[in-house]
Amino acid sequence: MFMGYYPRLRDLREDKDLSIRKLAELLHMQRTTYHNYETGKRELPFELAVTLAKFYNVSLDYIGGLTNDTTPPHKK
């Protein structure tokens, strides 16, 4: 099973000056759970990926590393 690493999640979080603890609180989850998503130790659920894309106002393709364009599709 592929366990993805989402390096952009960390970059996006840090760009908003959020700690893992604060973001986990906002997402109503444990800090270690979110950390495991960010480091690829746990697979990022699609629903959470959508939530994060909306929160950061970026596309899912950007989070997944498929594009360098952060613009969400509905903003194009």
Protein backbone atom coordinates (compact mmCIF):
# COMPACT_ATOMS: atom_id res chain seq x y z
CA MET A 1 0.00 0.00 0.00
CA PHE A 2 1.35 3.40 -0.97
CA MET A 3 1.69 5.83 1.87
CA GLY A 4 1.96 9.24 0.30
CA TYR A 5 4.09 12.04 1.57
CA TYR A 6 2.52 15.44 1.11
CA PRO A 7 5.39 17.94 1.47
CA ARG A 8 3.12 20.76 0.42
CA LEU A 9 0.93 20.26 3.47
CA ARG A 10 3.81 21.35 5.67
CA ASP A 11 4.64 24.28 3.40
CA LEU A 12 1.03 25.47 3.33
CA ARG A 13 0.71 25.13 7.10
CA GLU A 14 3.92 27.04 7.71
CA ASP A 15 2.90 29.75 5.21
CA LYS A 16 -0.12 30.38 7.46
CA ASP A 17 2.13 30.39 10.54
CA LEU A 18 0.26 27.45 12.05
CA SER A 19 1.77 24.83 14.30
CA ILE A 20 0.78 21.22 13.85
CA ARG A 21 -0.97 21.47 17.22
CA LYS A 22 -3.06 24.49 16.18
CA LEU A 23 -4.04 23.02 12.82
CA ALA A 24 -4.96 19.72 14.45
CA GLU A 25 -7.18 21.63 16.88
CA LEU A 26 -8.88 23.42 13.99
CA LEU A 27 -9.45 20.07 12.28
CA HIS A 28 -10.68 18.45 15.53
CA MET A 29 -8.06 15.70 15.53
CA GLN A 30 -5.05 14.62 17.51
CA ARG A 31 -1.74 16.34 16.77
CA THR A 32 -0.02 13.03 16.09
CA THR A 33 -2.72 12.02 13.63
CA TYR A 34 -2.23 15.16 11.56
CA HIS A 35 1.55 14.84 11.83
CA ASN A 36 1.28 11.31 10.44
CA TYR A 37 -0.66 12.62 7.42
CA GLU A 38 1.87 15.37 6.82
CA THR A 39 4.83 12.98 6.98
CA GLY A 40 3.18 10.18 5.01
CA LYS A 41 2.94 7.71 7.87
CA ARG A 42 -0.84 7.61 7.32
CA GLU A 43 -2.70 7.93 4.06
CA LEU A 44 -4.48 11.28 3.78
CA PRO A 45 -8.24 10.67 3.53
CA PHE A 46 -9.84 12.27 0.49
CA GLU A 47 -12.33 14.19 2.63
CA LEU A 48 -9.49 15.72 4.63
CA ALA A 49 -7.60 16.58 1.44
CA VAL A 50 -10.69 18.45 0.22
CA THR A 51 -11.04 20.24 3.57
CA LEU A 52 -7.38 21.31 3.48
CA ALA A 53 -7.62 22.44 -0.15
CA LYS A 54 -10.57 24.65 0.79
CA PHE A 55 -8.86 25.89 3.95
CA TYR A 56 -5.68 26.85 2.08
CA ASN A 57 -7.58 27.93 -1.07
CA VAL A 58 -5.52 25.68 -3.34
CA SER A 59 -6.33 22.81 -5.70
CA LEU A 60 -6.22 19.14 -4.77
CA ASP A 61 -3.74 18.71 -7.63
CA TYR A 62 -1.43 21.17 -5.90
CA ILE A 63 -1.64 19.33 -2.58
CA GLY A 64 -0.96 16.05 -4.37
CA GLY A 65 2.05 17.47 -6.20
CA LEU A 66 0.50 17.12 -9.66
CA THR A 67 0.83 20.81 -10.48
CA ASN A 68 2.66 23.88 -9.28
CA ASP A 69 -0.43 26.01 -9.92
CA THR A 70 -2.13 26.73 -6.60
CA THR A 71 -5.27 28.19 -8.19
CA PRO A 72 -8.35 26.10 -7.37
CA PRO A 73 -10.32 25.03 -10.49
CA HIS A 74 -13.33 27.18 -9.57
CA LYS A 75 -11.10 30.29 -9.51
CA LYS A 76 -9.74 29.86 -13.07
